[in-house]
Amino acid sequence: MHPPEETLLAVASGEADLTLRATVEGHLSSCAPCCVTLGELTLAGGALLRALPSEPPPDPLWQQVLSRVTPPAVPAAIGSDPLARLPVPQGTRQELPPLGPLAWHTAWTPGARYALLSRDRETGSFLLLGHMPAGRGFPRHLHPGREDVLVLSGGYEDERGHYEAGEYAVYEPGSEHRPVTEGDAECWILVRLERPIRFLGWRGWVQSLLRGRE
């Protein structure tokens, strides 16, 4: 499974937000066909730009661009990098700002946990690193917004199919599923969410109650 072409186009054109870039770049770290497709899309955009008349951008636009540019993150030393011993692709790490110690949270399944890696200030989307033991099912849930999933190690299956390490899945707004990890290997995933998920059944009632107390 691969990112849709429109997702690759968003990355090639610079329209993708930070969390989408980090997820897609993680997939590109191990997918030669998608790298070729992205290169073709980038070349087409570059040719179009070269065909345009050369003129300086308006000063307000240039200042806006400068205000949004951040210097590249300096790679952290192995001892201080919270992702150093985790199966997070280099392509993803290069997109992320420097991270402090990961704050792990339980995830409604015995042994399952997740940590927030980044949040895009403009779109509100967020990127999670998730871990589940082998042979465990995550509760059925609904996606109010789009979800992008990159499998980092192990694998899982749901109503749509089976996903192995390196594969990319997209769940549209309004979709629901219940993923179950493989029985012989723990599963690590990157999850990009546009909006928080909603659990179904009794867990949904508990979730609503807990959010009402926040």
Protein backbone atom coordinates (compact mmCIF):
# COMPACT_ATOMS: atom_id res chain seq x y z
CA MET A 1 0.00 0.00 0.00
CA HIS A 2 1.22 3.48 -0.91
CA PRO A 3 0.19 7.11 -0.35
CA PRO A 4 -2.37 8.32 -2.92
CA GLU A 5 -0.87 10.30 -5.79
CA GLU A 6 -2.67 13.43 -4.62
CA THR A 7 -0.84 13.08 -1.29
CA LEU A 8 2.52 12.80 -3.07
CA LEU A 9 1.56 15.83 -5.15
CA ALA A 10 0.84 17.79 -1.97
CA VAL A 11 4.34 16.95 -0.72
CA ALA A 12 5.94 17.79 -4.09
CA SER A 13 4.14 21.13 -4.34
CA GLY A 14 4.82 22.17 -0.75
CA GLU A 15 1.12 22.09 0.20
CA ALA A 16 1.51 19.26 2.74
CA ASP A 17 1.69 20.28 6.39
CA LEU A 18 4.45 19.16 8.74
CA THR A 19 2.72 16.03 9.99
CA LEU A 20 1.83 14.82 6.49
CA ARG A 21 5.36 15.43 5.24
CA ALA A 22 6.80 13.52 8.18
CA THR A 23 4.52 10.54 7.52
CA VAL A 24 5.07 10.45 3.75
CA GLU A 25 8.84 10.93 4.05
CA GLY A 26 8.91 7.95 6.38
CA HIS A 27 7.29 5.83 3.67
CA LEU A 28 9.67 7.19 1.02
CA SER A 29 12.61 5.96 3.11
CA SER A 30 11.82 2.40 2.01
CA CYS A 31 9.70 2.78 -1.15
CA ALA A 32 11.58 3.27 -4.43
CA PRO A 33 8.44 3.43 -6.65
CA CYS A 34 6.98 6.32 -4.62
CA CYS A 35 10.34 8.11 -4.73
CA VAL A 36 10.23 7.87 -8.52
CA THR A 37 6.65 9.17 -8.62
CA LEU A 38 7.52 12.06 -6.30
CA GLY A 39 10.52 12.91 -8.48
CA GLU A 40 8.33 13.00 -11.58
CA LEU A 41 5.83 15.28 -9.86
CA THR A 42 8.60 17.55 -8.64
CA LEU A 43 10.14 17.79 -12.11
CA ALA A 44 6.80 18.80 -13.60
CA GLY A 45 6.40 21.57 -11.05
CA GLY A 46 9.96 22.75 -11.59
CA ALA A 47 9.46 22.93 -15.35
CA LEU A 48 6.32 25.01 -14.84
CA LEU A 49 8.12 27.42 -12.52
CA ARG A 50 11.02 27.80 -14.96
CA ALA A 51 8.55 28.74 -17.70
CA LEU A 52 7.15 31.64 -15.69
CA PRO A 53 8.55 35.17 -16.12
CA SER A 54 11.32 35.94 -13.63
CA GLU A 55 10.35 38.69 -11.22
CA PRO A 56 10.94 39.28 -7.49
CA PRO A 57 8.08 38.41 -5.15
CA PRO A 58 6.20 41.24 -3.40
CA ASP A 59 8.00 42.24 -0.21
CA PRO A 60 5.07 41.33 2.13
CA LEU A 61 4.95 37.83 0.61
CA TRP A 62 8.72 37.41 0.97
CA GLN A 63 8.60 38.48 4.60
CA GLN A 64 5.76 36.02 5.26
CA VAL A 65 7.81 33.20 3.75
CA LEU A 66 10.85 34.13 5.85
CA SER A 67 8.77 34.17 9.02
CA ARG A 68 7.65 30.58 8.38
CA VAL A 69 11.09 29.20 7.57
CA THR A 70 12.85 27.51 10.46
CA PRO A 71 16.50 26.40 10.39
CA PRO A 72 17.08 22.66 9.97
CA ALA A 73 17.21 20.73 13.19
CA VAL A 74 20.65 19.74 14.41
CA PRO A 75 20.78 15.95 14.84
CA ALA A 76 20.80 15.06 18.51
CA ALA A 77 23.35 12.79 20.05
CA ILE A 78 22.29 9.16 20.32
CA GLY A 79 22.03 9.38 24.07
CA SER A 80 19.65 12.33 23.98
CA ASP A 81 17.55 11.40 20.93
CA PRO A 82 14.28 9.80 22.14
CA LEU A 83 13.82 8.14 18.73
CA ALA A 84 17.35 6.71 18.53
CA ARG A 85 16.40 3.14 19.40
CA LEU A 86 12.90 3.19 17.93
CA PRO A 87 11.99 2.15 14.35
CA VAL A 88 11.29 5.69 13.13
CA PRO A 89 12.62 6.25 9.56
CA GLN A 90 15.29 8.86 8.93
CA GLY A 91 12.97 10.65 6.49
CA THR A 92 10.48 11.24 9.29
CA ARG A 93 13.15 12.38 11.75
CA GLN A 94 14.45 14.98 9.33
CA GLU A 95 11.02 16.62 9.17
CA LEU A 96 10.48 16.76 12.93
CA PRO A 97 11.71 19.54 15.23
CA PRO A 98 14.06 18.56 18.06
CA LEU A 99 12.21 16.36 20.56
CA GLY A 100 12.43 16.09 24.30
CA PRO A 101 11.71 12.89 26.24
CA LEU A 102 8.61 11.15 24.88
CA ALA A 103 5.51 11.27 27.08
CA TRP A 104 3.83 7.88 26.67
CA HIS A 105 0.09 7.43 27.19
CA THR A 106 -1.95 4.25 27.49
CA ALA A 107 -4.24 3.48 24.57
CA TRP A 108 -7.35 1.53 25.66
CA THR A 109 -5.64 -1.82 25.00
CA PRO A 110 -3.45 -3.72 27.51
CA GLY A 111 0.18 -2.92 26.71
CA ALA A 112 -0.65 -0.38 23.99
CA ARG A 113 0.79 3.14 24.17
CA TYR A 114 1.30 6.26 22.09
CA ALA A 115 3.33 9.48 22.21
CA LEU A 116 2.76 12.82 20.51
CA LEU A 117 5.65 13.66 18.16
CA SER A 118 4.43 16.88 16.59
CA ARG A 119 1.45 19.11 15.90
CA ASP A 120 1.03 21.48 12.98
CA ARG A 121 0.18 24.94 14.26
CA GLU A 122 -1.79 25.98 11.19
CA THR A 123 -3.84 22.88 10.32
CA GLY A 124 -4.15 21.42 13.83
CA SER A 125 -3.19 17.93 12.62
CA PHE A 126 -0.95 15.87 14.87
CA LEU A 127 1.51 13.02 14.53
CA LEU A 128 1.60 10.11 16.96
CA LEU A 129 4.01 7.24 17.44
CA GLY A 130 2.05 4.16 18.44
CA HIS A 131 3.10 0.77 19.82
CA MET A 132 0.99 -2.34 20.37
CA PRO A 133 1.96 -5.83 21.55
CA ALA A 134 1.50 -8.81 19.26
CA GLY A 135 -1.96 -10.28 18.84
CA ARG A 136 -3.92 -7.38 20.31
CA GLY A 137 -6.95 -5.59 18.94
CA PHE A 138 -7.50 -1.85 19.15
CA PRO A 139 -11.14 -0.88 19.89
CA ARG A 140 -13.41 -0.04 16.98
CA HIS A 141 -13.41 3.69 16.36
CA LEU A 142 -14.61 6.38 13.98
CA HIS A 143 -12.48 8.95 12.17
CA PRO A 144 -14.08 12.43 12.15
CA GLY A 145 -11.06 13.57 10.11
CA ARG A 146 -8.60 11.81 7.83
CA GLU A 147 -6.07 9.38 9.27
CA ASP A 148 -2.77 8.42 7.62
CA VAL A 149 -0.98 5.36 9.00
CA LEU A 150 2.57 4.24 8.24
CA VAL A 151 3.53 0.80 9.59
CA LEU A 152 7.08 0.95 10.96
CA SER A 153 7.49 -2.65 12.12
CA GLY A 154 5.29 -5.69 12.55
CA GLY A 155 1.87 -5.35 11.01
CA TYR A 156 -1.87 -5.28 11.53
CA GLU A 157 -5.06 -6.16 9.74
CA ASP A 158 -8.56 -4.72 9.66
CA GLU A 159 -11.62 -4.82 7.45
CA ARG A 160 -9.66 -3.30 4.54
CA GLY A 161 -6.74 -5.69 4.47
CA HIS A 162 -3.36 -6.58 5.91
CA TYR A 163 -0.61 -3.99 6.37
CA GLU A 164 3.08 -4.82 6.80
CA ALA A 165 6.12 -2.71 7.66
CA GLY A 166 6.64 0.11 5.18
CA GLU A 167 3.04 0.13 3.97
CA TYR A 168 0.83 3.21 4.04
CA ALA A 169 -2.91 3.35 4.75
CA VAL A 170 -5.40 6.20 4.48
CA TYR A 171 -8.74 6.27 6.30
CA GLU A 172 -11.16 8.88 5.04
CA PRO A 173 -13.31 11.07 7.30
CA GLY A 174 -16.34 9.07 8.44
CA SER A 175 -14.59 5.69 8.16
CA GLU A 176 -14.33 3.24 11.03
CA HIS A 177 -12.27 0.12 11.71
CA ARG A 178 -10.84 -2.21 14.34
CA PRO A 179 -7.14 -2.99 13.73
CA VAL A 180 -5.61 -6.18 15.14
CA THR A 181 -1.83 -6.67 15.33
CA GLU A 182 -0.09 -9.78 14.03
CA GLY A 183 0.16 -12.64 16.48
CA ASP A 184 3.94 -13.02 16.32
CA ALA A 185 5.33 -9.49 16.36
CA GLU A 186 4.78 -6.20 18.15
CA CYS A 187 3.62 -3.36 15.94
CA TRP A 188 4.98 0.19 15.66
CA ILE A 189 3.12 2.78 13.61
CA LEU A 190 3.13 6.47 12.76
CA VAL A 191 -0.36 7.94 12.89
CA ARG A 192 -1.30 11.32 11.44
CA LEU A 193 -4.72 12.53 12.54
CA GLU A 194 -6.61 15.59 11.40
CA ARG A 195 -9.00 15.22 14.34
CA PRO A 196 -9.09 12.94 17.41
CA ILE A 197 -10.75 9.56 16.90
CA ARG A 198 -14.10 8.65 18.47
CA PHE A 199 -14.54 5.24 20.06
CA LEU A 200 -17.76 3.33 19.43
CA GLY A 201 -19.90 1.44 21.91
CA TRP A 202 -19.43 1.81 25.64
CA ARG A 203 -15.92 3.19 25.17
CA GLY A 204 -17.45 6.11 23.30
CA TRP A 205 -19.62 6.93 26.31
CA VAL A 206 -16.61 6.82 28.61
CA GLN A 207 -14.58 8.94 26.18
CA SER A 208 -17.32 11.60 26.05
CA LEU A 209 -17.52 11.61 29.85
CA LEU A 210 -13.78 12.04 30.24
CA ARG A 211 -13.65 14.86 27.71
CA GLY A 212 -16.51 16.60 29.49
CA ARG A 213 -14.37 16.74 32.62
CA GLU A 214 -11.38 18.35 30.87
